[in-house]
Protein backbone atom coordinates (compact mmCIF):
# COMPACT_ATOMS: atom_id res chain seq x y z
CA MET A 1 -22.89 -44.63 17.90
CA PHE A 2 -19.36 -43.13 18.55
CA ALA A 3 -19.18 -40.02 20.12
CA LYS A 4 -16.13 -38.01 18.67
CA LYS A 5 -13.69 -36.69 21.54
CA ILE A 6 -13.15 -33.11 20.99
CA THR A 7 -9.50 -31.92 21.96
CA ARG A 8 -8.11 -28.56 22.82
CA LEU A 9 -4.83 -27.34 21.02
CA PRO A 10 -2.71 -26.70 24.09
CA PRO A 11 -1.52 -22.65 24.25
CA LEU A 12 1.94 -23.32 24.37
CA ALA A 13 1.24 -25.10 21.20
CA LEU A 14 -0.76 -22.62 19.39
CA ALA A 15 1.68 -19.88 20.68
CA GLY A 16 4.39 -22.18 18.48
CA ILE A 17 2.45 -22.27 15.45
CA ILE A 18 1.85 -18.31 15.40
CA ALA A 19 5.71 -18.08 16.03
CA THR A 20 6.42 -20.40 13.27
CA ALA A 21 3.68 -18.71 10.96
CA ALA A 22 5.81 -15.18 11.93
CA ALA A 23 8.85 -16.50 11.05
CA VAL A 24 7.92 -18.29 7.80
CA SER A 25 6.43 -14.72 6.48
CA GLY A 26 9.12 -12.60 7.81
CA GLY A 27 7.80 -11.39 11.02
CA MET A 28 7.40 -7.78 10.14
CA PRO A 29 6.20 -5.68 7.17
CA ALA A 30 9.69 -4.12 4.73
CA HIS A 31 8.77 -0.95 5.92
CA ALA A 32 9.02 -1.75 9.53
CA ALA A 33 13.05 -2.52 9.39
CA ASP A 34 13.60 1.07 8.44
CA GLY A 35 11.64 2.57 11.49
CA GLY A 36 8.54 2.28 10.11
CA LYS A 37 9.15 5.08 7.43
CA MET A 38 8.10 3.83 4.03
CA SER A 39 10.03 5.50 1.05
CA MET A 40 7.26 7.55 -1.25
CA GLU A 41 7.49 9.14 -4.86
CA LYS A 42 4.89 11.04 -6.23
CA CYS A 43 3.23 9.06 -8.93
CA TYR A 44 1.44 11.48 -11.72
CA GLY A 45 -1.60 10.25 -13.87
CA VAL A 46 -3.15 7.58 -12.19
CA ALA A 47 -5.42 9.74 -9.24
CA LYS A 48 -9.11 9.16 -9.50
CA ALA A 49 -10.80 12.77 -9.92
CA GLY A 50 -10.91 14.00 -5.88
CA LYS A 51 -8.93 11.48 -4.94
CA ASN A 52 -5.21 12.71 -5.64
CA ASP A 53 -2.53 13.82 -3.15
CA CYS A 54 -1.54 17.19 -4.95
CA ALA A 55 -0.82 18.66 -8.43
CA SER A 56 1.58 20.55 -10.46
CA GLY A 57 0.10 23.62 -10.85
CA ALA A 58 -3.58 22.52 -12.16
CA HIS A 59 -4.93 23.55 -8.81
CA SER A 60 -4.19 24.20 -5.22
CA CYS A 61 -4.05 20.91 -3.81
CA ALA A 62 -5.49 17.52 -2.51
CA GLY A 63 -8.56 16.60 -3.55
CA GLN A 64 -9.34 19.11 -6.14
CA ALA A 65 -8.53 16.97 -9.63
CA VAL A 66 -11.97 17.08 -11.53
CA LYS A 67 -11.09 14.24 -13.90
CA ASP A 68 -9.77 10.62 -13.40
CA PHE A 69 -5.74 10.07 -14.35
CA ASP A 70 -5.38 13.69 -14.60
CA PRO A 71 -2.05 13.91 -16.00
CA ALA A 72 -0.76 16.83 -13.75
CA SER A 73 -2.37 15.34 -10.49
CA PHE A 74 -0.03 13.05 -8.30
CA VAL A 75 -0.81 10.50 -5.44
CA ALA A 76 2.06 9.23 -3.03
CA VAL A 77 2.83 5.82 -3.70
CA PRO A 78 5.75 3.35 -2.25
CA LYS A 79 8.95 3.61 -4.09
CA GLY A 80 9.04 1.79 -7.24
CA LEU A 81 5.29 1.27 -7.56
CA CYS A 82 4.06 4.02 -10.06
CA ALA A 83 6.58 2.34 -12.81
CA LYS A 84 4.36 -0.68 -12.59
CA LEU A 85 0.60 1.30 -12.83
CA ALA A 86 -0.70 1.86 -16.11
CA GLY A 87 -0.57 5.29 -17.00
CA GLY A 88 1.59 6.26 -14.24
CA SER A 89 4.44 8.72 -14.64
CA LEU A 90 7.32 10.17 -12.35
CA THR A 91 6.84 13.18 -13.92
CA PRO A 92 3.95 15.88 -14.72
CA LYS A 93 2.51 16.00 -18.04
CA ALA A 94 1.34 19.13 -19.96
CA LEU A 95 -2.18 19.74 -19.86
């Protein structure tokens, strides 16, 4: 039988592959270009019970929503995402 020769990838070639992949993918997340601060917005009506960031008059604040998708409770999401979420609203709804 023939023995298959196993070859190792030279470190320089591996570094080239990684650099190429980084260049093709953009290299860094979009929010890293603005100093690491991503623009966030309040999205009402999408938080699960106890997972909200805060609320609009319904209770004192974070983690106190007692029902899923409370229209007065919000979570902070990246700007533009709320409009894409089912039930998401940029303004609180009346209870």
